[in-house]
PDB file of N, CA and C in Angstrom:
ATOM      1  N   UNK A   1      -8.150  21.640   9.071  1.00  0.00           N
ATOM      2  CA  UNK A   1      -8.021  23.070   8.946  1.00  0.00           C
ATOM      3  C   UNK A   1      -9.071  23.558   7.951  1.00  0.00           C
ATOM      4  N   UNK A   2      -9.885  24.451   8.403  1.00  0.00           N
ATOM      5  CA  UNK A   2     -10.833  25.074   7.489  1.00  0.00           C
ATOM      6  C   UNK A   2     -10.138  26.260   6.834  1.00  0.00           C
ATOM      7  N   UNK A   3     -10.196  26.320   5.533  1.00  0.00           N
ATOM      8  CA  UNK A   3      -9.608  27.458   4.830  1.00  0.00           C
ATOM      9  C   UNK A   3     -10.459  28.696   5.084  1.00  0.00           C
ATOM     10  N   UNK A   4      -9.862  29.886   5.083  1.00  0.00           N
ATOM     11  CA  UNK A   4     -10.625  31.115   5.304  1.00  0.00           C
ATOM     12  C   UNK A   4     -11.671  31.338   4.214  1.00  0.00           C
ATOM     13  N   UNK A   5     -12.683  32.080   4.574  1.00  0.00           N
ATOM     14  CA  UNK A   5     -13.789  32.347   3.646  1.00  0.00           C
ATOM     15  C   UNK A   5     -13.322  32.938   2.317  1.00  0.00           C
ATOM     16  N   UNK A   6     -12.316  33.822   2.345  1.00  0.00           N
ATOM     17  CA  UNK A   6     -11.897  34.455   1.089  1.00  0.00           C
ATOM     18  C   UNK A   6     -11.263  33.437   0.140  1.00  0.00           C
ATOM     19  N   UNK A   7     -10.640  32.391   0.672  1.00  0.00           N
ATOM     20  CA  UNK A   7     -10.114  31.327  -0.198  1.00  0.00           C
ATOM     21  C   UNK A   7     -11.256  30.466  -0.706  1.00  0.00           C
ATOM     22  N   UNK A   8     -12.197  30.125   0.168  1.00  0.00           N
ATOM     23  CA  UNK A   8     -13.352  29.333  -0.261  1.00  0.00           C
ATOM     24  C   UNK A   8     -14.221  30.072  -1.268  1.00  0.00           C
ATOM     25  N   UNK A   9     -14.082  31.392  -1.340  1.00  0.00           N
ATOM     26  CA  UNK A   9     -14.850  32.188  -2.304  1.00  0.00           C
ATOM     27  C   UNK A   9     -14.152  32.273  -3.665  1.00  0.00           C
ATOM     28  N   UNK A  10     -12.916  31.768  -3.765  1.00  0.00           N
ATOM     29  CA  UNK A  10     -12.215  31.756  -5.052  1.00  0.00           C
ATOM     30  C   UNK A  10     -12.931  30.831  -6.024  1.00  0.00           C
ATOM     31  N   UNK A  11     -12.667  30.966  -7.305  1.00  0.00           N
ATOM     32  CA  UNK A  11     -13.304  30.071  -8.279  1.00  0.00           C
ATOM     33  C   UNK A  11     -12.989  28.606  -7.986  1.00  0.00           C
ATOM     34  N   UNK A  12     -13.969  27.763  -8.234  1.00  0.00           N
ATOM     35  CA  UNK A  12     -13.768  26.329  -8.108  1.00  0.00           C
ATOM     36  C   UNK A  12     -13.013  25.792  -9.306  1.00  0.00           C
ATOM     37  N   UNK A  13     -12.594  24.551  -9.186  1.00  0.00           N
ATOM     38  CA  UNK A  13     -11.838  23.898 -10.242  1.00  0.00           C
ATOM     39  C   UNK A  13     -12.639  22.699 -10.732  1.00  0.00           C
ATOM     40  N   UNK A  14     -12.764  22.558 -12.034  1.00  0.00           N
ATOM     41  CA  UNK A  14     -13.467  21.415 -12.624  1.00  0.00           C
ATOM     42  C   UNK A  14     -12.498  20.236 -12.643  1.00  0.00           C
ATOM     43  N   UNK A  15     -12.637  19.359 -11.661  1.00  0.00           N
ATOM     44  CA  UNK A  15     -11.779  18.180 -11.542  1.00  0.00           C
ATOM     45  C   UNK A  15     -12.509  16.949 -12.065  1.00  0.00           C
ATOM     46  N   UNK A  16     -11.763  15.916 -12.444  1.00  0.00           N
ATOM     47  CA  UNK A  16     -12.399  14.659 -12.854  1.00  0.00           C
ATOM     48  C   UNK A  16     -12.779  13.798 -11.645  1.00  0.00           C
ATOM     49  N   UNK A  17     -12.913  14.427 -10.485  1.00  0.00           N
ATOM     50  CA  UNK A  17     -13.248  13.761  -9.226  1.00  0.00           C
ATOM     51  C   UNK A  17     -14.408  14.520  -8.598  1.00  0.00           C
ATOM     52  N   UNK A  18     -15.332  13.815  -7.997  1.00  0.00           N
ATOM     53  CA  UNK A  18     -16.490  14.436  -7.373  1.00  0.00           C
ATOM     54  C   UNK A  18     -16.087  15.411  -6.270  1.00  0.00           C
ATOM     55  N   UNK A  19     -16.804  16.532  -6.181  1.00  0.00           N
ATOM     56  CA  UNK A  19     -16.526  17.511  -5.128  1.00  0.00           C
ATOM     57  C   UNK A  19     -16.861  16.967  -3.745  1.00  0.00           C
ATOM     58  N   UNK A  20     -17.605  15.862  -3.675  1.00  0.00           N
ATOM     59  CA  UNK A  20     -17.824  15.194  -2.395  1.00  0.00           C
ATOM     60  C   UNK A  20     -16.523  14.584  -1.879  1.00  0.00           C
ATOM     61  N   UNK A  21     -15.613  14.238  -2.784  1.00  0.00           N
ATOM     62  CA  UNK A  21     -14.329  13.628  -2.412  1.00  0.00           C
ATOM     63  C   UNK A  21     -13.224  14.655  -2.231  1.00  0.00           C
ATOM     64  N   UNK A  22     -13.216  15.654  -3.079  1.00  0.00           N
ATOM     65  CA  UNK A  22     -12.192  16.699  -2.991  1.00  0.00           C
ATOM     66  C   UNK A  22     -12.767  18.014  -3.510  1.00  0.00           C
ATOM     67  N   UNK A  23     -12.526  19.083  -2.760  1.00  0.00           N
ATOM     68  CA  UNK A  23     -12.922  20.393  -3.257  1.00  0.00           C
ATOM     69  C   UNK A  23     -11.647  21.181  -3.555  1.00  0.00           C
ATOM     70  N   UNK A  24     -11.758  22.092  -4.500  1.00  0.00           N
ATOM     71  CA  UNK A  24     -10.582  22.829  -4.944  1.00  0.00           C
ATOM     72  C   UNK A  24     -10.965  24.265  -5.282  1.00  0.00           C
ATOM     73  N   UNK A  25     -10.132  25.190  -4.850  1.00  0.00           N
ATOM     74  CA  UNK A  25     -10.308  26.614  -5.143  1.00  0.00           C
ATOM     75  C   UNK A  25      -9.009  27.129  -5.721  1.00  0.00           C
ATOM     76  N   UNK A  26      -9.088  28.033  -6.695  1.00  0.00           N
ATOM     77  CA  UNK A  26      -7.884  28.380  -7.448  1.00  0.00           C
ATOM     78  C   UNK A  26      -7.701  29.874  -7.667  1.00  0.00           C
ATOM     79  N   UNK A  27      -6.423  30.206  -7.882  1.00  0.00           N
ATOM     80  CA  UNK A  27      -6.003  31.525  -8.339  1.00  0.00           C
ATOM     81  C   UNK A  27      -5.206  31.282  -9.619  1.00  0.00           C
ATOM     82  N   UNK A  28      -5.601  31.934 -10.689  1.00  0.00           N
ATOM     83  CA  UNK A  28      -4.933  31.735 -11.979  1.00  0.00           C
ATOM     84  C   UNK A  28      -4.312  33.046 -12.457  1.00  0.00           C
ATOM     85  N   UNK A  29      -3.141  32.927 -13.041  1.00  0.00           N
ATOM     86  CA  UNK A  29      -2.533  34.037 -13.770  1.00  0.00           C
ATOM     87  C   UNK A  29      -2.154  33.497 -15.138  1.00  0.00           C
ATOM     88  N   UNK A  30      -1.619  34.334 -15.980  1.00  0.00           N
ATOM     89  CA  UNK A  30      -1.202  33.852 -17.297  1.00  0.00           C
ATOM     90  C   UNK A  30       0.061  32.988 -17.197  1.00  0.00           C
ATOM     91  N   UNK A  31       0.683  32.919 -16.024  1.00  0.00           N
ATOM     92  CA  UNK A  31       1.922  32.154 -15.851  1.00  0.00           C
ATOM     93  C   UNK A  31       1.772  30.918 -14.982  1.00  0.00           C
ATOM     94  N   UNK A  32       0.614  30.696 -14.411  1.00  0.00           N
ATOM     95  CA  UNK A  32       0.462  29.522 -13.556  1.00  0.00           C
ATOM     96  C   UNK A  32      -0.901  29.455 -12.898  1.00  0.00           C
ATOM     97  N   UNK A  33      -1.094  28.384 -12.147  1.00  0.00           N
ATOM     98  CA  UNK A  33      -2.355  28.109 -11.467  1.00  0.00           C
ATOM     99  C   UNK A  33      -2.042  27.603 -10.068  1.00  0.00           C
ATOM    100  N   UNK A  34      -2.559  28.283  -9.048  1.00  0.00           N
ATOM    101  CA  UNK A  34      -2.410  27.846  -7.663  1.00  0.00           C
ATOM    102  C   UNK A  34      -3.747  27.277  -7.207  1.00  0.00           C
ATOM    103  N   UNK A  35      -3.725  26.055  -6.660  1.00  0.00           N
ATOM    104  CA  UNK A  35      -4.969  25.386  -6.271  1.00  0.00           C
ATOM    105  C   UNK A  35      -4.872  24.902  -4.827  1.00  0.00           C
ATOM    106  N   UNK A  36      -5.879  25.257  -4.030  1.00  0.00           N
ATOM    107  CA  UNK A  36      -6.034  24.757  -2.675  1.00  0.00           C
ATOM    108  C   UNK A  36      -6.957  23.541  -2.747  1.00  0.00           C
ATOM    109  N   UNK A  37      -6.427  22.359  -2.431  1.00  0.00           N
ATOM    110  CA  UNK A  37      -7.209  21.124  -2.446  1.00  0.00           C
ATOM    111  C   UNK A  37      -7.566  20.729  -1.016  1.00  0.00           C
ATOM    112  N   UNK A  38      -8.833  20.440  -0.761  1.00  0.00           N
ATOM    113  CA  UNK A  38      -9.280  19.899   0.525  1.00  0.00           C
ATOM    114  C   UNK A  38      -9.840  18.507   0.257  1.00  0.00           C
ATOM    115  N   UNK A  39      -9.251  17.503   0.904  1.00  0.00           N
ATOM    116  CA  UNK A  39      -9.620  16.107   0.675  1.00  0.00           C
ATOM    117  C   UNK A  39     -10.684  15.697   1.694  1.00  0.00           C
ATOM    118  N   UNK A  40     -11.849  15.273   1.196  1.00  0.00           N
ATOM    119  CA  UNK A  40     -12.977  14.907   2.066  1.00  0.00           C
ATOM    120  C   UNK A  40     -13.092  13.402   2.275  1.00  0.00           C
ATOM    121  N   UNK A  41     -12.605  12.612   1.325  1.00  0.00           N
ATOM    122  CA  UNK A  41     -12.589  11.142   1.426  1.00  0.00           C
ATOM    123  C   UNK A  41     -11.226  10.656   0.971  1.00  0.00           C
ATOM    124  N   UNK A  42     -10.760   9.552   1.549  1.00  0.00           N
ATOM    125  CA  UNK A  42      -9.476   8.989   1.115  1.00  0.00           C
ATOM    126  C   UNK A  42      -9.460   8.894  -0.405  1.00  0.00           C
ATOM    127  N   UNK A  43      -8.316   9.234  -0.982  1.00  0.00           N
ATOM    128  CA  UNK A  43      -8.221   9.336  -2.430  1.00  0.00           C
ATOM    129  C   UNK A  43      -6.853   8.835  -2.885  1.00  0.00           C
ATOM    130  N   UNK A  44      -6.828   8.108  -3.987  1.00  0.00           N
ATOM    131  CA  UNK A  44      -5.571   7.682  -4.582  1.00  0.00           C
ATOM    132  C   UNK A  44      -5.520   8.180  -6.017  1.00  0.00           C
ATOM    133  N   UNK A  45      -4.479   8.935  -6.326  1.00  0.00           N
ATOM    134  CA  UNK A  45      -4.284   9.448  -7.676  1.00  0.00           C
ATOM    135  C   UNK A  45      -3.285   8.545  -8.399  1.00  0.00           C
ATOM    136  N   UNK A  46      -3.659   7.987  -9.537  1.00  0.00           N
ATOM    137  CA  UNK A  46      -2.747   7.096 -10.262  1.00  0.00           C
ATOM    138  C   UNK A  46      -1.572   7.877 -10.848  1.00  0.00           C
ATOM    139  N   UNK A  47      -0.541   7.139 -11.249  1.00  0.00           N
ATOM    140  CA  UNK A  47       0.613   7.771 -11.874  1.00  0.00           C
ATOM    141  C   UNK A  47       0.181   8.559 -13.110  1.00  0.00           C
ATOM    142  N   UNK A  48       0.723   9.757 -13.242  1.00  0.00           N
ATOM    143  CA  UNK A  48       0.433  10.626 -14.377  1.00  0.00           C
ATOM    144  C   UNK A  48       1.572  11.643 -14.488  1.00  0.00           C
ATOM    145  N   UNK A  49       1.567  12.445 -15.524  1.00  0.00           N
ATOM    146  CA  UNK A  49       2.581  13.488 -15.669  1.00  0.00           C
ATOM    147  C   UNK A  49       1.979  14.697 -16.385  1.00  0.00           C
ATOM    148  N   UNK A  50       2.634  15.821 -16.209  1.00  0.00           N
ATOM    149  CA  UNK A  50       2.229  17.085 -16.836  1.00  0.00           C
ATOM    150  C   UNK A  50       3.377  18.061 -16.650  1.00  0.00           C
ATOM    151  N   UNK A  51       3.134  19.350 -16.752  1.00  0.00           N
ATOM    152  CA  UNK A  51       4.178  20.354 -16.570  1.00  0.00           C
ATOM    153  C   UNK A  51       4.644  20.450 -15.124  1.00  0.00           C
ATOM    154  N   UNK A  52       5.596  21.348 -14.871  1.00  0.00           N
ATOM    155  CA  UNK A  52       6.129  21.535 -13.521  1.00  0.00           C
ATOM    156  C   UNK A  52       5.021  21.758 -12.497  1.00  0.00           C
ATOM    157  N   UNK A  53       5.266  21.228 -11.288  1.00  0.00           N
ATOM    158  CA  UNK A  53       4.323  21.380 -10.176  1.00  0.00           C
ATOM    159  C   UNK A  53       5.125  21.516  -8.889  1.00  0.00           C
ATOM    160  N   UNK A  54       4.745  22.484  -8.072  1.00  0.00           N
ATOM    161  CA  UNK A  54       5.312  22.644  -6.737  1.00  0.00           C
ATOM    162  C   UNK A  54       4.152  22.621  -5.770  1.00  0.00           C
ATOM    163  N   UNK A  55       4.355  22.040  -4.587  1.00  0.00           N
ATOM    164  CA  UNK A  55       3.274  22.020  -3.620  1.00  0.00           C
ATOM    165  C   UNK A  55       3.770  21.937  -2.200  1.00  0.00           C
ATOM    166  N   UNK A  56       2.831  22.130  -1.287  1.00  0.00           N
ATOM    167  CA  UNK A  56       3.116  22.028   0.140  1.00  0.00           C
ATOM    168  C   UNK A  56       1.877  21.480   0.855  1.00  0.00           C
ATOM    169  N   UNK A  57       2.118  20.726   1.906  1.00  0.00           N
ATOM    170  CA  UNK A  57       1.026  20.184   2.724  1.00  0.00           C
ATOM    171  C   UNK A  57       0.689  21.214   3.794  1.00  0.00           C
ATOM    172  N   UNK A  58      -0.578  21.597   3.858  1.00  0.00           N
ATOM    173  CA  UNK A  58      -1.026  22.556   4.862  1.00  0.00           C
ATOM    174  C   UNK A  58      -1.608  21.865   6.086  1.00  0.00           C
ATOM    175  N   UNK A  59      -2.243  20.715   5.882  1.00  0.00           N
ATOM    176  CA  UNK A  59      -2.896  19.967   6.963  1.00  0.00           C
ATOM    177  C   UNK A  59      -2.878  18.494   6.610  1.00  0.00           C
ATOM    178  N   UNK A  60      -2.752  17.638   7.600  1.00  0.00           N
ATOM    179  CA  UNK A  60      -2.780  16.200   7.364  1.00  0.00           C
ATOM    180  C   UNK A  60      -1.466  15.732   6.758  1.00  0.00           C
ATOM    181  N   UNK A  61      -1.566  14.740   5.898  1.00  0.00           N
ATOM    182  CA  UNK A  61      -0.377  14.221   5.231  1.00  0.00           C
ATOM    183  C   UNK A  61      -0.759  13.621   3.896  1.00  0.00           C
ATOM    184  N   UNK A  62       0.255  13.310   3.106  1.00  0.00           N
ATOM    185  CA  UNK A  62       0.025  12.583   1.872  1.00  0.00           C
ATOM    186  C   UNK A  62       1.266  11.755   1.556  1.00  0.00           C
ATOM    187  N   UNK A  63       1.035  10.657   0.882  1.00  0.00           N
ATOM    188  CA  UNK A  63       2.118   9.819   0.405  1.00  0.00           C
ATOM    189  C   UNK A  63       2.251  10.100  -1.083  1.00  0.00           C
ATOM    190  N   UNK A  64       3.408  10.590  -1.477  1.00  0.00           N
ATOM    191  CA  UNK A  64       3.626  11.034  -2.851  1.00  0.00           C
ATOM    192  C   UNK A  64       4.780  10.242  -3.456  1.00  0.00           C
ATOM    193  N   UNK A  65       4.540   9.701  -4.636  1.00  0.00           N
ATOM    194  CA  UNK A  65       5.583   9.022  -5.397  1.00  0.00           C
ATOM    195  C   UNK A  65       5.955   9.907  -6.575  1.00  0.00           C
ATOM    196  N   UNK A  66       7.242  10.261  -6.647  1.00  0.00           N
ATOM    197  CA  UNK A  66       7.753  11.106  -7.731  1.00  0.00           C
ATOM    198  C   UNK A  66       8.893  10.347  -8.391  1.00  0.00           C
ATOM    199  N   UNK A  67       8.718  10.021  -9.658  1.00  0.00           N
ATOM    200  CA  UNK A  67       9.776   9.331 -10.395  1.00  0.00           C
ATOM    201  C   UNK A  67      10.227   8.042  -9.727  1.00  0.00           C
ATOM    202  N   UNK A  68       9.281   7.308  -9.147  1.00  0.00           N
ATOM    203  CA  UNK A  68       9.577   6.025  -8.527  1.00  0.00           C
ATOM    204  C   UNK A  68      10.009   6.096  -7.075  1.00  0.00           C
ATOM    205  N   UNK A  69      10.200   7.285  -6.518  1.00  0.00           N
ATOM    206  CA  UNK A  69      10.584   7.444  -5.109  1.00  0.00           C
ATOM    207  C   UNK A  69       9.378   7.898  -4.295  1.00  0.00           C
ATOM    208  N   UNK A  70       9.061   7.144  -3.224  1.00  0.00           N
ATOM    209  CA  UNK A  70       7.876   7.417  -2.406  1.00  0.00           C
ATOM    210  C   UNK A  70       8.290   8.006  -1.065  1.00  0.00           C
ATOM    211  N   UNK A  71       7.554   9.048  -0.653  1.00  0.00           N
ATOM    212  CA  UNK A  71       7.835   9.727   0.611  1.00  0.00           C
ATOM    213  C   UNK A  71       6.520  10.234   1.200  1.00  0.00           C
ATOM    214  N   UNK A  72       6.451  10.262   2.534  1.00  0.00           N
ATOM    215  CA  UNK A  72       5.296  10.834   3.226  1.00  0.00           C
ATOM    216  C   UNK A  72       5.599  12.298   3.525  1.00  0.00           C
ATOM    217  N   UNK A  73       4.660  13.166   3.149  1.00  0.00           N
ATOM    218  CA  UNK A  73       4.786  14.603   3.375  1.00  0.00           C
ATOM    219  C   UNK A  73       3.768  15.031   4.413  1.00  0.00           C
ATOM    220  N   UNK A  74       4.205  15.888   5.334  1.00  0.00           N
ATOM    221  CA  UNK A  74       3.361  16.378   6.434  1.00  0.00           C
ATOM    222  C   UNK A  74       3.334  17.914   6.412  1.00  0.00           C
ATOM    223  N   UNK A  75       2.519  18.540   7.263  1.00  0.00           N
ATOM    224  CA  UNK A  75       2.406  20.005   7.230  1.00  0.00           C
ATOM    225  C   UNK A  75       3.772  20.703   7.232  1.00  0.00           C
ATOM    226  N   UNK A  76       3.908  21.623   6.283  1.00  0.00           N
ATOM    227  CA  UNK A  76       5.137  22.373   6.134  1.00  0.00           C
ATOM    228  C   UNK A  76       6.105  21.770   5.133  1.00  0.00           C
ATOM    229  N   UNK A  77       5.916  20.490   4.790  1.00  0.00           N
ATOM    230  CA  UNK A  77       6.780  19.855   3.791  1.00  0.00           C
ATOM    231  C   UNK A  77       6.351  20.307   2.401  1.00  0.00           C
ATOM    232  N   UNK A  78       7.338  20.534   1.551  1.00  0.00           N
ATOM    233  CA  UNK A  78       7.028  20.907   0.167  1.00  0.00           C
ATOM    234  C   UNK A  78       7.749  19.967  -0.780  1.00  0.00           C
ATOM    235  N   UNK A  79       7.333  20.004  -2.031  1.00  0.00           N
ATOM    236  CA  UNK A  79       7.862  19.105  -3.052  1.00  0.00           C
ATOM    237  C   UNK A  79       7.840  19.806  -4.398  1.00  0.00           C
ATOM    238  N   UNK A  80       8.692  19.320  -5.287  1.00  0.00           N
ATOM    239  CA  UNK A  80       8.720  19.825  -6.650  1.00  0.00           C
ATOM    240  C   UNK A  80       8.689  18.631  -7.590  1.00  0.00           C
ATOM    241  N   UNK A  81       7.828  18.689  -8.574  1.00  0.00           N
ATOM    242  CA  UNK A  81       7.708  17.635  -9.573  1.00  0.00           C
ATOM    243  C   UNK A  81       8.064  18.254 -10.928  1.00  0.00           C
ATOM    244  N   UNK A  82       9.212  17.888 -11.483  1.00  0.00           N
ATOM    245  CA  UNK A  82       9.592  18.449 -12.782  1.00  0.00           C
ATOM    246  C   UNK A  82       8.648  18.004 -13.904  1.00  0.00           C
ATOM    247  N   UNK A  83       8.551  18.810 -14.914  1.00  0.00           N
ATOM    248  CA  UNK A  83       7.703  18.503 -16.071  1.00  0.00           C
ATOM    249  C   UNK A  83       8.030  17.121 -16.622  1.00  0.00           C
ATOM    250  N   UNK A  84       6.972  16.360 -16.915  1.00  0.00           N
ATOM    251  CA  UNK A  84       7.112  15.061 -17.547  1.00  0.00           C
ATOM    252  C   UNK A  84       7.427  13.905 -16.621  1.00  0.00           C
ATOM    253  N   UNK A  85       7.704  14.159 -15.343  1.00  0.00           N
ATOM    254  CA  UNK A  85       8.029  13.081 -14.401  1.00  0.00           C
ATOM    255  C   UNK A  85       6.734  12.466 -13.874  1.00  0.00           C
ATOM    256  N   UNK A  86       6.636  11.129 -13.971  1.00  0.00           N
ATOM    257  CA  UNK A  86       5.437  10.444 -13.461  1.00  0.00           C
ATOM    258  C   UNK A  86       5.368  10.556 -11.942  1.00  0.00           C
ATOM    259  N   UNK A  87       4.147  10.787 -11.458  1.00  0.00           N
ATOM    260  CA  UNK A  87       3.912  10.893 -10.025  1.00  0.00           C
ATOM    261  C   UNK A  87       2.479  10.484  -9.715  1.00  0.00           C
ATOM    262  N   UNK A  88       2.259  10.068  -8.488  1.00  0.00           N
ATOM    263  CA  UNK A  88       0.934   9.688  -8.010  1.00  0.00           C
ATOM    264  C   UNK A  88       0.901   9.900  -6.513  1.00  0.00           C
ATOM    265  N   UNK A  89      -0.296   9.878  -5.924  1.00  0.00           N
ATOM    266  CA  UNK A  89      -0.405  10.194  -4.502  1.00  0.00           C
ATOM    267  C   UNK A  89      -1.522   9.411  -3.830  1.00  0.00           C
ATOM    268  N   UNK A  90      -1.342   9.209  -2.531  1.00  0.00           N
ATOM    269  CA  UNK A  90      -2.394   8.713  -1.645  1.00  0.00           C
ATOM    270  C   UNK A  90      -2.679   9.839  -0.668  1.00  0.00           C
ATOM    271  N   UNK A  91      -3.936  10.275  -0.666  1.00  0.00           N
ATOM    272  CA  UNK A  91      -4.348  11.420   0.139  1.00  0.00           C
ATOM    273  C   UNK A  91      -5.455  10.991   1.103  1.00  0.00           C
ATOM    274  N   UNK A  92      -5.198  11.006   2.398  1.00  0.00           N
ATOM    275  CA  UNK A  92      -6.255  10.648   3.338  1.00  0.00           C
ATOM    276  C   UNK A  92      -7.236  11.804   3.548  1.00  0.00           C
ATOM    277  N   UNK A  93      -8.446  11.459   3.941  1.00  0.00           N
ATOM    278  CA  UNK A  93      -9.440  12.480   4.261  1.00  0.00           C
ATOM    279  C   UNK A  93      -8.860  13.437   5.298  1.00  0.00           C
ATOM    280  N   UNK A  94      -9.149  14.716   5.131  1.00  0.00           N
ATOM    281  CA  UNK A  94      -8.679  15.736   6.055  1.00  0.00           C
ATOM    282  C   UNK A  94      -7.435  16.467   5.580  1.00  0.00           C
ATOM    283  N   UNK A  95      -6.770  15.941   4.560  1.00  0.00           N
ATOM    284  CA  UNK A  95      -5.572  16.618   4.049  1.00  0.00           C
ATOM    285  C   UNK A  95      -5.961  17.900   3.314  1.00  0.00           C
ATOM    286  N   UNK A  96      -5.126  18.907   3.466  1.00  0.00           N
ATOM    287  CA  UNK A  96      -5.272  20.162   2.724  1.00  0.00           C
ATOM    288  C   UNK A  96      -3.920  20.435   2.077  1.00  0.00           C
ATOM    289  N   UNK A  97      -3.938  20.594   0.762  1.00  0.00           N
ATOM    290  CA  UNK A  97      -2.724  20.714  -0.024  1.00  0.00           C
ATOM    291  C   UNK A  97      -2.815  21.972  -0.889  1.00  0.00           C
ATOM    292  N   UNK A  98      -1.700  22.676  -1.015  1.00  0.00           N
ATOM    293  CA  UNK A  98      -1.604  23.782  -1.959  1.00  0.00           C
ATOM    294  C   UNK A  98      -0.652  23.346  -3.063  1.00  0.00           C
ATOM    295  N   UNK A  99      -1.139  23.306  -4.291  1.00  0.00           N
ATOM    296  CA  UNK A  99      -0.312  22.971  -5.450  1.00  0.00           C
ATOM    297  C   UNK A  99      -0.278  24.154  -6.402  1.00  0.00           C
ATOM    298  N   UNK A 100       0.911  24.409  -6.956  1.00  0.00           N
ATOM    299  CA  UNK A 100       1.078  25.459  -7.951  1.00  0.00           C
ATOM    300  C   UNK A 100       1.595  24.795  -9.221  1.00  0.00           C
ATOM    301  N   UNK A 101       0.874  25.000 -10.299  1.00  0.00           N
ATOM    302  CA  UNK A 101       1.175  24.383 -11.590  1.00  0.00           C
ATOM    303  C   UNK A 101       1.731  25.432 -12.541  1.00  0.00           C
ATOM    304  N   UNK A 102       2.777  25.068 -13.282  1.00  0.00           N
ATOM    305  CA  UNK A 102       3.341  25.973 -14.283  1.00  0.00           C
ATOM    306  C   UNK A 102       2.374  26.187 -15.442  1.00  0.00           C
ATOM    307  N   UNK A 103       1.472  25.235 -15.643  1.00  0.00           N
ATOM    308  CA  UNK A 103       0.478  25.336 -16.712  1.00  0.00           C
ATOM    309  C   UNK A 103      -0.750  26.092 -16.195  1.00  0.00           C
ATOM    310  N   UNK A 104      -0.949  27.285 -16.678  1.00  0.00           N
ATOM    311  CA  UNK A 104      -2.078  28.096 -16.222  1.00  0.00           C
ATOM    312  C   UNK A 104      -3.414  27.425 -16.510  1.00  0.00           C
ATOM    313  N   UNK A 105      -3.445  26.570 -17.524  1.00  0.00           N
ATOM    314  CA  UNK A 105      -4.698  25.913 -17.920  1.00  0.00           C
ATOM    315  C   UNK A 105      -4.730  24.442 -17.490  1.00  0.00           C
ATOM    316  N   UNK A 106      -3.967  24.086 -16.459  1.00  0.00           N
ATOM    317  CA  UNK A 106      -3.922  22.686 -15.995  1.00  0.00           C
ATOM    318  C   UNK A 106      -5.325  22.161 -15.712  1.00  0.00           C
ATOM    319  N   UNK A 107      -6.150  22.971 -15.073  1.00  0.00           N
ATOM    320  CA  UNK A 107      -7.553  22.612 -14.807  1.00  0.00           C
ATOM    321  C   UNK A 107      -8.431  23.786 -15.203  1.00  0.00           C
ATOM    322  N   UNK A 108      -9.601  23.518 -15.770  1.00  0.00           N
ATOM    323  CA  UNK A 108     -10.527  24.616 -16.044  1.00  0.00           C
ATOM    324  C   UNK A 108     -11.158  25.122 -14.746  1.00  0.00           C
ATOM    325  N   UNK A 109     -11.406  26.408 -14.699  1.00  0.00           N
ATOM    326  CA  UNK A 109     -12.084  26.995 -13.544  1.00  0.00           C
ATOM    327  C   UNK A 109     -13.584  26.958 -13.771  1.00  0.00           C
ATOM    328  N   UNK A 110     -14.315  26.927 -12.667  1.00  0.00           N
ATOM    329  CA  UNK A 110     -15.773  27.054 -12.738  1.00  0.00           C
ATOM    330  C   UNK A 110     -16.180  28.132 -11.753  1.00  0.00           C
ATOM    331  N   UNK A 111     -17.368  28.595 -11.819  1.00  0.00           N
ATOM    332  CA  UNK A 111     -17.941  29.689 -10.990  1.00  0.00           C
ATOM    333  C   UNK A 111     -17.872  30.991 -11.724  1.00  0.00           C
TER     334      UNK A 111
END
């Protein structure tokens, strides 16, 4: 799924991962950060934790482990990760994910 031009025109996100592997566009408010992630190469995110996170799969699938429980999420599936709970993911190329973070400064914006 190609995201619409107006989403691709949103500010980019400075990730610790090359934009060749994943691109990200964001909307930030003082209360949170919404990020559209497009996965270009298979990617595995190690276990980590931070503030509350809610997300949904828009295209493709992902395998997400939350607090030791692993599940495959497909388009239309959503998930909630409470603050401080360890989680990690396997994201195949072609996946498109929308994540909303309670921390407005979870990632710095660029552009």
